[in-house]
Amino acid sequence: MGPLDIVNHLLNFVAPAAAMALVLVLLGRLVGSRSASAMAGWLRWAILFVVGVAVLLAGLVLWGRDGKMLTYAALVVACATCQWVLVRGWKS
């Protein structure tokens, strides 16, 4: 496998986490608090992205392969919980 193939596989591996983070940041006002978070959008995206990649890596280590639906369900739950904490959803 060449270097371009490795980059392609890595980008495809982290794409669900990046998409989930982007959607949650863009629709952040609908999830949790009505007031905007004090932190910048790119920082919230980075935090959600790191959480998502960690969940995907945990699914890869646990089951030995990526793309399991349970891993994607855990990605949704973890990112939604993280978004709820970042927008202080308990205060709404």
Foldseek 3Di string as FASTA:
>chain_A
DDPVVVVVVVCVLLVLQLVLLVVCLVCLCVQADVDDFPDDSVVSSVVSSVQLSVLQVVVCVVVVHGDDVVSVVVSNVRSSVSSNVRRVRVVD
